[in-house]
Every structure is written in C-alpha cells, then in structure tokens.
Amino acid sequence: MSVQRSQIEAALSTKLPKDIIIKLLDEYQDIKQQFFLRKFQPSELNAARFSECILRLIEFLDTGKYTAFGKQLDTQKIINRVASNTSLPEGIRVFIPQLTRVLLDIRNKRNVAHVGGEVNPNYSDSLFVSHSADWILVELIRNYHINRIDEARRIVESINETKMPVIVEVGSFIRVQNTKLKADQKTLLVLYYKQPDKVSDTDLIKWIRYANVSRYRTEILRALDDEALIHHENGFCTLLPKGIAYVEKNISPELIV
C-alpha cells in the first residue's frame, strides 16, 4: 500500500480501540501477502483471524466493550444483536457482520480449518477473501476516519490500487516481475516462493536469466550460502530461516501499478 500503515492506524484508532486495529491490520497484511504469493490456504486461515478482529470492533461499536483476545467469541450473538442497532451505519450493522459470517464459513466449511472438509482451498476462495478484506477495511475508513475527506479518499484509493504478485508462473517457468531487484534478491525471492522445496541451481539460473553461469554459482550462490541465507549443496538450494526473515523484511511480495 502506498499509504503507510501508520496513517491507517492513526486514522482508525481515534474512534476505535487501537489494540484491535493493530491486530486487524496485521491479519489484513498477512491475507494480502499470502494471496499474492499464491499460498491460498494460509490466506483463508488468516481471514478467520481477521474476521475475529472485525467482530470485536462490531461488538465495541454496538455495546461500548468487546470480548478480550484469547476468549471465545459468541459470533452469531454479536451479528444478531448489532443488526438491530439503528444508530450505526447500515454497512457496519448489516453488511460487514454478514460478510464476516461468510468469511468464517469459508474457513470452517471449505477444507481450510479441518481435514476432510468439502473441497480443497482454491484461487476463487482466496480471491473472495482478499477482496472482502479490502471492502471491509475501506468501509471502516469511510465511517471512522475523522481527518480531511481528501485524505480519507486517498487512503481508500490506495487500498484499492491495482496490485499484482511479484512472482508468476508461466507453465514450468517462474518469472520475477520486479526487474529492479538484484540477482541475489531474485534468488531469495524465488526460493521463498518455492519453499519448502529445494530448487536446482540450474533452474535458478534459467528463471533469473543470469548470463554468467559460473559467476552465479561461485559468487551469488556462494555469498548467500556464506551468509547462511540459503543452503547450497549438490546443485540444489534451500532457503534457510535467516533467508526467510530477509525476504519478509526487505522484499515486497507485490507490485502496484
């Protein structure tokens, strides 16, 4: 998002509990990251935690208090009760609670939370989850942003910017769409995308389109291995925990156009 997270926190925390907002945005960012990395099952699991944050906000807006984190939510009671609170905007008392119910049902009934569910998680489920999270967050900003209207509009537009994954698969070929990344960063990103699988250095050379094969192995991969970001052995590379942390901290999983 081009608007900094701190701006969204500040915008929403003036009227809503800051601890819920922080957790809510944590889960929102996880949903978007997992979706863009095509890790569809985690994105749906995170949607359940996102929904639980939303329900606590709804509960707070309805009653002035909310169920503490770590305690069981009475989901349907919250949804039913807020529907009759006509002092709240319709989007808050009707649309968001019902959409949250659907997100929770996807978690419970689409083989995300339990073995032996109805069907496997798939792209369409996660697409719905991702866009639903966008819509809910936009609705909250529209109703509870107290600064200038133009600033609120800018935040809303930023959330709905066209985004695309930084990595795509074309058949068996993996492309890194951020062409500004250096070869070592592209290497780490591809390994992050493929984890926990090992990747042959031959495939990495092909996917990254590094012209000097010998230099790639002796300089790029050796340096990453020396820094314990990857493990390179017998022609295969594995991303190590330190490499995972580097990618998540330093390389965006999305492009904004």
C-alpha atoms as a PDB file:
ATOM      1  CA  MET A   1       0.000   0.000   0.000  1.00  0.00           C
ATOM      2  CA  SER A   2       1.359   3.410  -0.932  1.00  0.00           C
ATOM      3  CA  VAL A   3      -0.242   4.935   2.166  1.00  0.00           C
ATOM      4  CA  GLN A   4       1.808   3.975   5.193  1.00  0.00           C
ATOM      5  CA  ARG A   5       0.262   1.608   7.677  1.00  0.00           C
ATOM      6  CA  SER A   6       0.864   4.122  10.474  1.00  0.00           C
ATOM      7  CA  GLN A   7      -1.517   6.527   8.712  1.00  0.00           C
ATOM      8  CA  ILE A   8      -4.274   3.941   8.634  1.00  0.00           C
ATOM      9  CA  GLU A   9      -3.668   3.072  12.298  1.00  0.00           C
ATOM     10  CA  ALA A  10      -3.868   6.722  13.253  1.00  0.00           C
ATOM     11  CA  ALA A  11      -6.990   7.263  11.155  1.00  0.00           C
ATOM     12  CA  LEU A  12      -8.933   4.395  12.696  1.00  0.00           C
ATOM     13  CA  SER A  13      -7.623   4.493  16.278  1.00  0.00           C
ATOM     14  CA  THR A  14      -9.193   7.858  17.030  1.00  0.00           C
ATOM     15  CA  LYS A  15     -12.607   6.235  17.451  1.00  0.00           C
ATOM     16  CA  LEU A  16     -11.804   2.525  17.601  1.00  0.00           C
ATOM     17  CA  PRO A  17      -9.673   0.519  20.087  1.00  0.00           C
ATOM     18  CA  LYS A  18      -6.066   0.700  18.978  1.00  0.00           C
ATOM     19  CA  ASP A  19      -5.203  -2.854  20.064  1.00  0.00           C
ATOM     20  CA  ILE A  20      -7.901  -4.253  17.782  1.00  0.00           C
ATOM     21  CA  ILE A  21      -6.812  -2.039  14.893  1.00  0.00           C
ATOM     22  CA  ILE A  22      -3.193  -3.185  15.209  1.00  0.00           C
ATOM     23  CA  LYS A  23      -4.183  -6.854  15.178  1.00  0.00           C
ATOM     24  CA  LEU A  24      -6.662  -6.237  12.384  1.00  0.00           C
ATOM     25  CA  LEU A  25      -4.030  -4.658  10.146  1.00  0.00           C
ATOM     26  CA  ASP A  26      -1.562  -7.441  10.976  1.00  0.00           C
ATOM     27  CA  GLU A  27      -4.063 -10.005   9.713  1.00  0.00           C
ATOM     28  CA  TYR A  28      -5.015  -7.868   6.705  1.00  0.00           C
ATOM     29  CA  GLN A  29      -1.393  -7.638   5.609  1.00  0.00           C
ATOM     30  CA  ASP A  30      -0.958 -11.382   6.059  1.00  0.00           C
ATOM     31  CA  ILE A  31      -4.011 -12.066   3.889  1.00  0.00           C
ATOM     32  CA  LYS A  32      -2.673  -9.864   1.096  1.00  0.00           C
ATOM     33  CA  GLN A  33       0.855 -11.246   1.309  1.00  0.00           C
ATOM     34  CA  GLN A  34      -0.219 -14.887   1.273  1.00  0.00           C
ATOM     35  CA  PHE A  35      -2.637 -14.248  -1.584  1.00  0.00           C
ATOM     36  CA  PHE A  36      -0.027 -12.576  -3.762  1.00  0.00           C
ATOM     37  CA  LEU A  37       2.382 -15.420  -3.066  1.00  0.00           C
ATOM     38  CA  ARG A  38      -0.397 -17.819  -4.155  1.00  0.00           C
ATOM     39  CA  LYS A  39      -0.404 -19.503  -0.756  1.00  0.00           C
ATOM     40  CA  PHE A  40      -4.157 -19.791  -0.793  1.00  0.00           C
ATOM     41  CA  GLN A  41      -4.725 -21.966   2.266  1.00  0.00           C
ATOM     42  CA  PRO A  42      -2.893 -19.601   4.684  1.00  0.00           C
ATOM     43  CA  SER A  43      -4.775 -16.611   3.246  1.00  0.00           C
ATOM     44  CA  GLU A  44      -8.082 -18.223   4.176  1.00  0.00           C
ATOM     45  CA  LEU A  45      -6.873 -19.144   7.657  1.00  0.00           C
ATOM     46  CA  ASN A  46      -5.758 -15.556   8.233  1.00  0.00           C
ATOM     47  CA  ALA A  47      -9.208 -14.411   7.109  1.00  0.00           C
ATOM     48  CA  ALA A  48     -10.685 -16.142  10.160  1.00  0.00           C
ATOM     49  CA  ARG A  49      -8.398 -14.177  12.487  1.00  0.00           C
ATOM     50  CA  PHE A  50      -9.167 -11.007  10.512  1.00  0.00           C
ATOM     51  CA  SER A  51     -12.883 -11.742  10.970  1.00  0.00           C
ATOM     52  CA  GLU A  52     -12.483 -12.210  14.703  1.00  0.00           C
ATOM     53  CA  CYS A  53     -10.913  -8.739  14.907  1.00  0.00           C
ATOM     54  CA  ILE A  54     -13.801  -7.296  12.901  1.00  0.00           C
ATOM     55  CA  LEU A  55     -16.354  -8.922  15.196  1.00  0.00           C
ATOM     56  CA  ARG A  56     -14.671  -7.358  18.219  1.00  0.00           C
ATOM     57  CA  LEU A  57     -14.899  -3.956  16.537  1.00  0.00           C
ATOM     58  CA  ILE A  58     -18.578  -4.539  15.796  1.00  0.00           C
ATOM     59  CA  GLU A  59     -19.132  -5.617  19.396  1.00  0.00           C
ATOM     60  CA  PHE A  60     -17.386  -2.466  20.648  1.00  0.00           C
ATOM     61  CA  LEU A  61     -19.405  -0.176  18.378  1.00  0.00           C
ATOM     62  CA  ASP A  62     -22.626  -1.854  19.493  1.00  0.00           C
ATOM     63  CA  THR A  63     -22.043  -2.138  23.241  1.00  0.00           C
ATOM     64  CA  GLY A  64     -19.016   0.007  24.091  1.00  0.00           C
ATOM     65  CA  LYS A  65     -16.964  -3.031  25.117  1.00  0.00           C
ATOM     66  CA  TYR A  66     -15.601  -6.154  23.456  1.00  0.00           C
ATOM     67  CA  THR A  67     -14.520  -9.718  24.168  1.00  0.00           C
ATOM     68  CA  ALA A  68     -10.878  -9.833  25.207  1.00  0.00           C
ATOM     69  CA  PHE A  69      -8.433 -11.507  22.856  1.00  0.00           C
ATOM     70  CA  GLY A  70      -7.909 -15.088  23.917  1.00  0.00           C
ATOM     71  CA  LYS A  71     -11.536 -15.531  24.957  1.00  0.00           C
ATOM     72  CA  GLN A  72     -14.165 -17.276  22.841  1.00  0.00           C
ATOM     73  CA  LEU A  73     -16.368 -15.012  20.729  1.00  0.00           C
ATOM     74  CA  ASP A  74     -20.126 -15.557  20.532  1.00  0.00           C
ATOM     75  CA  THR A  75     -20.117 -14.838  16.818  1.00  0.00           C
ATOM     76  CA  GLN A  76     -23.771 -15.191  15.964  1.00  0.00           C
ATOM     77  CA  LYS A  77     -24.906 -13.297  19.051  1.00  0.00           C
ATOM     78  CA  ILE A  78     -22.752 -10.321  18.033  1.00  0.00           C
ATOM     79  CA  ILE A  79     -24.084 -10.430  14.461  1.00  0.00           C
ATOM     80  CA  ASN A  80     -27.720 -10.730  15.539  1.00  0.00           C
ATOM     81  CA  ARG A  81     -27.514  -8.033  18.200  1.00  0.00           C
ATOM     82  CA  VAL A  82     -25.810  -5.348  16.105  1.00  0.00           C
ATOM     83  CA  ALA A  83     -28.365  -5.760  13.290  1.00  0.00           C
ATOM     84  CA  SER A  84     -30.999  -4.036  15.474  1.00  0.00           C
ATOM     85  CA  ASN A  85     -28.768  -1.095  16.420  1.00  0.00           C
ATOM     86  CA  THR A  86     -30.116   1.507  14.008  1.00  0.00           C
ATOM     87  CA  SER A  87     -27.796   4.178  15.383  1.00  0.00           C
ATOM     88  CA  LEU A  88     -24.959   2.549  13.453  1.00  0.00           C
ATOM     89  CA  PRO A  89     -24.408   2.941   9.694  1.00  0.00           C
ATOM     90  CA  GLU A  90     -26.010   0.159   7.660  1.00  0.00           C
ATOM     91  CA  GLY A  91     -22.657  -1.052   6.379  1.00  0.00           C
ATOM     92  CA  ILE A  92     -21.432  -1.518   9.948  1.00  0.00           C
ATOM     93  CA  ARG A  93     -24.525  -3.158  11.417  1.00  0.00           C
ATOM     94  CA  VAL A  94     -25.590  -5.317   8.428  1.00  0.00           C
ATOM     95  CA  PHE A  95     -23.133  -5.703   5.574  1.00  0.00           C
ATOM     96  CA  ILE A  96     -19.843  -6.146   7.457  1.00  0.00           C
ATOM     97  CA  PRO A  97     -21.253  -8.620  10.023  1.00  0.00           C
ATOM     98  CA  GLN A  98     -22.877 -10.761   7.318  1.00  0.00           C
ATOM     99  CA  LEU A  99     -19.743 -10.702   5.164  1.00  0.00           C
ATOM    100  CA  THR A 100     -17.712 -11.671   8.219  1.00  0.00           C
ATOM    101  CA  ARG A 101     -20.053 -14.624   8.734  1.00  0.00           C
ATOM    102  CA  VAL A 102     -19.322 -15.779   5.183  1.00  0.00           C
ATOM    103  CA  LEU A 103     -15.558 -15.462   5.706  1.00  0.00           C
ATOM    104  CA  LEU A 104     -15.786 -17.615   8.820  1.00  0.00           C
ATOM    105  CA  ASP A 105     -17.905 -20.180   6.992  1.00  0.00           C
ATOM    106  CA  ILE A 106     -15.289 -20.423   4.246  1.00  0.00           C
ATOM    107  CA  ARG A 107     -12.727 -21.215   6.944  1.00  0.00           C
ATOM    108  CA  ASN A 108     -14.973 -23.828   8.549  1.00  0.00           C
ATOM    109  CA  LYS A 109     -16.580 -25.468   5.521  1.00  0.00           C
ATOM    110  CA  ARG A 110     -14.070 -25.298   2.675  1.00  0.00           C
ATOM    111  CA  ASN A 111     -11.354 -27.663   3.974  1.00  0.00           C
ATOM    112  CA  VAL A 112      -9.233 -24.872   5.409  1.00  0.00           C
ATOM    113  CA  ALA A 113      -9.561 -25.463   9.127  1.00  0.00           C
ATOM    114  CA  HIS A 114     -10.245 -29.186   9.211  1.00  0.00           C
ATOM    115  CA  VAL A 115      -9.060 -32.321   7.451  1.00  0.00           C
ATOM    116  CA  GLY A 116     -11.815 -33.933   5.403  1.00  0.00           C
ATOM    117  CA  GLY A 117     -13.720 -30.758   4.553  1.00  0.00           C
ATOM    118  CA  GLU A 118     -15.844 -30.131   1.472  1.00  0.00           C
ATOM    119  CA  VAL A 119     -13.222 -29.109  -1.106  1.00  0.00           C
ATOM    120  CA  ASN A 120      -9.613 -28.020  -1.211  1.00  0.00           C
ATOM    121  CA  PRO A 121      -8.764 -24.329  -0.882  1.00  0.00           C
ATOM    122  CA  ASN A 122      -8.507 -22.700  -4.288  1.00  0.00           C
ATOM    123  CA  TYR A 123      -7.905 -19.458  -6.087  1.00  0.00           C
ATOM    124  CA  SER A 124     -11.538 -18.320  -6.215  1.00  0.00           C
ATOM    125  CA  ASP A 125     -11.988 -18.729  -2.448  1.00  0.00           C
ATOM    126  CA  SER A 126      -8.867 -16.713  -1.709  1.00  0.00           C
ATOM    127  CA  LEU A 127      -9.766 -14.066  -4.270  1.00  0.00           C
ATOM    128  CA  PHE A 128     -13.059 -13.592  -2.446  1.00  0.00           C
ATOM    129  CA  VAL A 129     -11.277 -13.437   0.910  1.00  0.00           C
ATOM    130  CA  SER A 130      -8.770 -10.859  -0.348  1.00  0.00           C
ATOM    131  CA  HIS A 131     -11.369  -8.532  -1.890  1.00  0.00           C
ATOM    132  CA  SER A 132     -13.714  -8.911   1.072  1.00  0.00           C
ATOM    133  CA  ALA A 133     -10.948  -7.831   3.443  1.00  0.00           C
ATOM    134  CA  ASP A 134     -10.319  -4.803   1.194  1.00  0.00           C
ATOM    135  CA  TRP A 135     -14.008  -3.849   1.208  1.00  0.00           C
ATOM    136  CA  ILE A 136     -14.375  -4.189   4.967  1.00  0.00           C
ATOM    137  CA  LEU A 137     -11.310  -2.059   5.659  1.00  0.00           C
ATOM    138  CA  VAL A 138     -12.471   0.598   3.207  1.00  0.00           C
ATOM    139  CA  GLU A 139     -15.896   0.688   4.884  1.00  0.00           C
ATOM    140  CA  LEU A 140     -14.290   1.200   8.287  1.00  0.00           C
ATOM    141  CA  ILE A 141     -12.168   4.056   6.967  1.00  0.00           C
ATOM    142  CA  ARG A 142     -15.175   5.682   5.329  1.00  0.00           C
ATOM    143  CA  ASN A 143     -17.131   5.651   8.554  1.00  0.00           C
ATOM    144  CA  TYR A 144     -14.446   6.288  11.193  1.00  0.00           C
ATOM    145  CA  HIS A 145     -11.794   8.443   9.569  1.00  0.00           C
ATOM    146  CA  ILE A 146     -12.032  11.856  11.217  1.00  0.00           C
ATOM    147  CA  ASN A 147      -9.397  13.794   9.246  1.00  0.00           C
ATOM    148  CA  ARG A 148      -9.862  15.589   5.920  1.00  0.00           C
ATOM    149  CA  ILE A 149     -12.132  13.998   3.320  1.00  0.00           C
ATOM    150  CA  ASP A 150      -9.392  14.126   0.691  1.00  0.00           C
ATOM    151  CA  GLU A 151      -7.052  12.180   2.978  1.00  0.00           C
ATOM    152  CA  ALA A 152      -9.695   9.538   3.610  1.00  0.00           C
ATOM    153  CA  ARG A 153     -10.268   9.233  -0.143  1.00  0.00           C
ATOM    154  CA  ARG A 154      -6.543   8.847  -0.754  1.00  0.00           C
ATOM    155  CA  ILE A 155      -6.328   6.007   1.771  1.00  0.00           C
ATOM    156  CA  VAL A 156      -9.339   4.269   0.226  1.00  0.00           C
ATOM    157  CA  GLU A 157      -7.901   4.618  -3.281  1.00  0.00           C
ATOM    158  CA  SER A 158      -4.550   3.300  -2.092  1.00  0.00           C
ATOM    159  CA  ILE A 159      -6.115   0.177  -0.603  1.00  0.00           C
ATOM    160  CA  ASN A 160      -7.864  -0.474  -3.912  1.00  0.00           C
ATOM    161  CA  GLU A 161      -4.865   0.155  -6.162  1.00  0.00           C
ATOM    162  CA  THR A 162      -4.217  -2.458  -8.830  1.00  0.00           C
ATOM    163  CA  LYS A 163      -1.778  -4.938  -7.344  1.00  0.00           C
ATOM    164  CA  MET A 164      -0.070  -7.931  -8.868  1.00  0.00           C
ATOM    165  CA  PRO A 165       2.162 -10.661  -7.476  1.00  0.00           C
ATOM    166  CA  VAL A 166       5.875 -10.051  -7.827  1.00  0.00           C
ATOM    167  CA  ILE A 167       6.266 -13.690  -8.916  1.00  0.00           C
ATOM    168  CA  VAL A 168       4.214 -15.511 -11.553  1.00  0.00           C
ATOM    169  CA  GLU A 169       4.434 -18.967 -13.074  1.00  0.00           C
ATOM    170  CA  VAL A 170       4.306 -19.380 -16.860  1.00  0.00           C
ATOM    171  CA  GLY A 171       3.986 -23.104 -17.323  1.00  0.00           C
ATOM    172  CA  SER A 172       7.005 -24.508 -15.503  1.00  0.00           C
ATOM    173  CA  PHE A 173       8.873 -21.201 -15.755  1.00  0.00           C
ATOM    174  CA  ILE A 174       8.993 -18.749 -12.844  1.00  0.00           C
ATOM    175  CA  ARG A 175       9.256 -15.033 -13.585  1.00  0.00           C
ATOM    176  CA  VAL A 176      10.220 -12.300 -11.119  1.00  0.00           C
ATOM    177  CA  GLN A 177       8.251  -9.264 -12.266  1.00  0.00           C
ATOM    178  CA  ASN A 178      10.174  -6.723 -10.223  1.00  0.00           C
ATOM    179  CA  THR A 179      13.051  -6.203 -12.644  1.00  0.00           C
ATOM    180  CA  LYS A 180      14.759  -3.746 -10.298  1.00  0.00           C
ATOM    181  CA  LEU A 181      15.745  -6.469  -7.836  1.00  0.00           C
ATOM    182  CA  LYS A 182      19.359  -7.642  -7.827  1.00  0.00           C
ATOM    183  CA  ALA A 183      20.256 -11.225  -8.732  1.00  0.00           C
ATOM    184  CA  ASP A 184      20.731 -12.271  -5.101  1.00  0.00           C
ATOM    185  CA  GLN A 185      17.340 -10.778  -4.138  1.00  0.00           C
ATOM    186  CA  LYS A 186      15.624 -12.515  -7.046  1.00  0.00           C
ATOM    187  CA  THR A 187      17.246 -15.767  -5.958  1.00  0.00           C
ATOM    188  CA  LEU A 188      15.967 -15.421  -2.404  1.00  0.00           C
ATOM    189  CA  LEU A 189      12.501 -14.448  -3.608  1.00  0.00           C
ATOM    190  CA  VAL A 190      12.213 -17.484  -5.888  1.00  0.00           C
ATOM    191  CA  LEU A 191      13.373 -19.782  -3.094  1.00  0.00           C
ATOM    192  CA  TYR A 192      10.868 -18.144  -0.734  1.00  0.00           C
ATOM    193  CA  TYR A 193       8.110 -18.758  -3.255  1.00  0.00           C
ATOM    194  CA  LYS A 194       9.134 -22.409  -3.730  1.00  0.00           C
ATOM    195  CA  GLN A 195       9.714 -23.239  -0.058  1.00  0.00           C
ATOM    196  CA  PRO A 196       9.925 -25.769   1.463  1.00  0.00           C
ATOM    197  CA  ASP A 197      11.056 -27.362  -1.812  1.00  0.00           C
ATOM    198  CA  LYS A 198      14.673 -27.487  -2.887  1.00  0.00           C
ATOM    199  CA  VAL A 199      15.435 -25.744  -6.181  1.00  0.00           C
ATOM    200  CA  SER A 200      18.209 -26.709  -8.551  1.00  0.00           C
ATOM    201  CA  ASP A 201      20.750 -24.003  -9.265  1.00  0.00           C
ATOM    202  CA  THR A 202      20.197 -24.757 -12.965  1.00  0.00           C
ATOM    203  CA  ASP A 203      16.554 -23.718 -12.652  1.00  0.00           C
ATOM    204  CA  LEU A 204      17.502 -20.618 -10.685  1.00  0.00           C
ATOM    205  CA  ILE A 205      19.935 -19.555 -13.394  1.00  0.00           C
ATOM    206  CA  LYS A 206      17.267 -20.065 -16.047  1.00  0.00           C
ATOM    207  CA  TRP A 207      14.470 -18.313 -14.143  1.00  0.00           C
ATOM    208  CA  ILE A 208      16.593 -15.359 -13.067  1.00  0.00           C
ATOM    209  CA  ARG A 209      18.189 -15.180 -16.540  1.00  0.00           C
ATOM    210  CA  TYR A 210      21.670 -14.748 -15.201  1.00  0.00           C
ATOM    211  CA  ALA A 211      24.050 -14.762 -18.181  1.00  0.00           C
ATOM    212  CA  ASN A 212      27.274 -15.857 -16.474  1.00  0.00           C
ATOM    213  CA  VAL A 213      26.554 -19.347 -15.144  1.00  0.00           C
ATOM    214  CA  SER A 214      29.929 -19.845 -13.490  1.00  0.00           C
ATOM    215  CA  ARG A 215      29.842 -16.476 -11.750  1.00  0.00           C
ATOM    216  CA  TYR A 216      26.303 -17.065 -10.493  1.00  0.00           C
ATOM    217  CA  ARG A 217      27.344 -20.264  -8.756  1.00  0.00           C
ATOM    218  CA  THR A 218      30.704 -19.104  -7.445  1.00  0.00           C
ATOM    219  CA  GLU A 219      29.719 -15.588  -6.398  1.00  0.00           C
ATOM    220  CA  ILE A 220      25.964 -15.134  -5.957  1.00  0.00           C
ATOM    221  CA  LEU A 221      25.076 -18.530  -4.501  1.00  0.00           C
ATOM    222  CA  ARG A 222      28.305 -18.822  -2.529  1.00  0.00           C
ATOM    223  CA  ALA A 223      27.760 -15.419  -0.923  1.00  0.00           C
ATOM    224  CA  LEU A 224      24.176 -16.310   0.030  1.00  0.00           C
ATOM    225  CA  ASP A 225      25.369 -19.629   1.429  1.00  0.00           C
ATOM    226  CA  ASP A 226      28.202 -17.954   3.359  1.00  0.00           C
ATOM    227  CA  GLU A 227      25.673 -15.569   4.926  1.00  0.00           C
ATOM    228  CA  ALA A 228      23.515 -18.576   5.908  1.00  0.00           C
ATOM    229  CA  LEU A 229      20.596 -17.195   3.913  1.00  0.00           C
ATOM    230  CA  ILE A 230      20.486 -20.375   1.826  1.00  0.00           C
ATOM    231  CA  HIS A 231      21.976 -23.857   1.898  1.00  0.00           C
ATOM    232  CA  HIS A 232      23.619 -24.774  -1.442  1.00  0.00           C
ATOM    233  CA  GLU A 233      24.734 -28.349  -1.829  1.00  0.00           C
ATOM    234  CA  ASN A 234      24.977 -30.859  -4.700  1.00  0.00           C
ATOM    235  CA  GLY A 235      23.415 -28.435  -7.144  1.00  0.00           C
ATOM    236  CA  PHE A 236      20.331 -27.666  -5.025  1.00  0.00           C
ATOM    237  CA  CYS A 237      19.391 -24.634  -2.938  1.00  0.00           C
ATOM    238  CA  THR A 238      17.181 -24.414   0.134  1.00  0.00           C
ATOM    239  CA  LEU A 239      16.087 -21.198   1.820  1.00  0.00           C
ATOM    240  CA  LEU A 240      17.108 -21.035   5.489  1.00  0.00           C
ATOM    241  CA  PRO A 241      15.177 -19.255   8.287  1.00  0.00           C
ATOM    242  CA  LYS A 242      17.526 -16.282   8.062  1.00  0.00           C
ATOM    243  CA  GLY A 243      16.736 -16.024   4.351  1.00  0.00           C
ATOM    244  CA  ILE A 244      13.005 -16.183   5.047  1.00  0.00           C
ATOM    245  CA  ALA A 245      13.330 -13.326   7.519  1.00  0.00           C
ATOM    246  CA  TYR A 246      15.318 -11.292   4.990  1.00  0.00           C
ATOM    247  CA  VAL A 247      12.691 -11.690   2.261  1.00  0.00           C
ATOM    248  CA  GLU A 248       9.779 -10.865   4.537  1.00  0.00           C
ATOM    249  CA  LYS A 249      11.530  -7.759   5.833  1.00  0.00           C
ATOM    250  CA  ASN A 250      13.103  -6.416   2.649  1.00  0.00           C
ATOM    251  CA  ILE A 251      11.271  -7.638  -0.478  1.00  0.00           C
ATOM    252  CA  SER A 252       7.678  -6.705  -1.243  1.00  0.00           C
ATOM    253  CA  PRO A 253       5.524  -9.621  -2.466  1.00  0.00           C
ATOM    254  CA  GLU A 254       3.544  -7.294  -4.732  1.00  0.00           C
ATOM    255  CA  LEU A 255       3.815  -4.642  -7.401  1.00  0.00           C
ATOM    256  CA  ILE A 256       1.500  -1.630  -7.512  1.00  0.00           C
ATOM    257  CA  VAL A 257       0.560  -0.148 -10.878  1.00  0.00           C
END
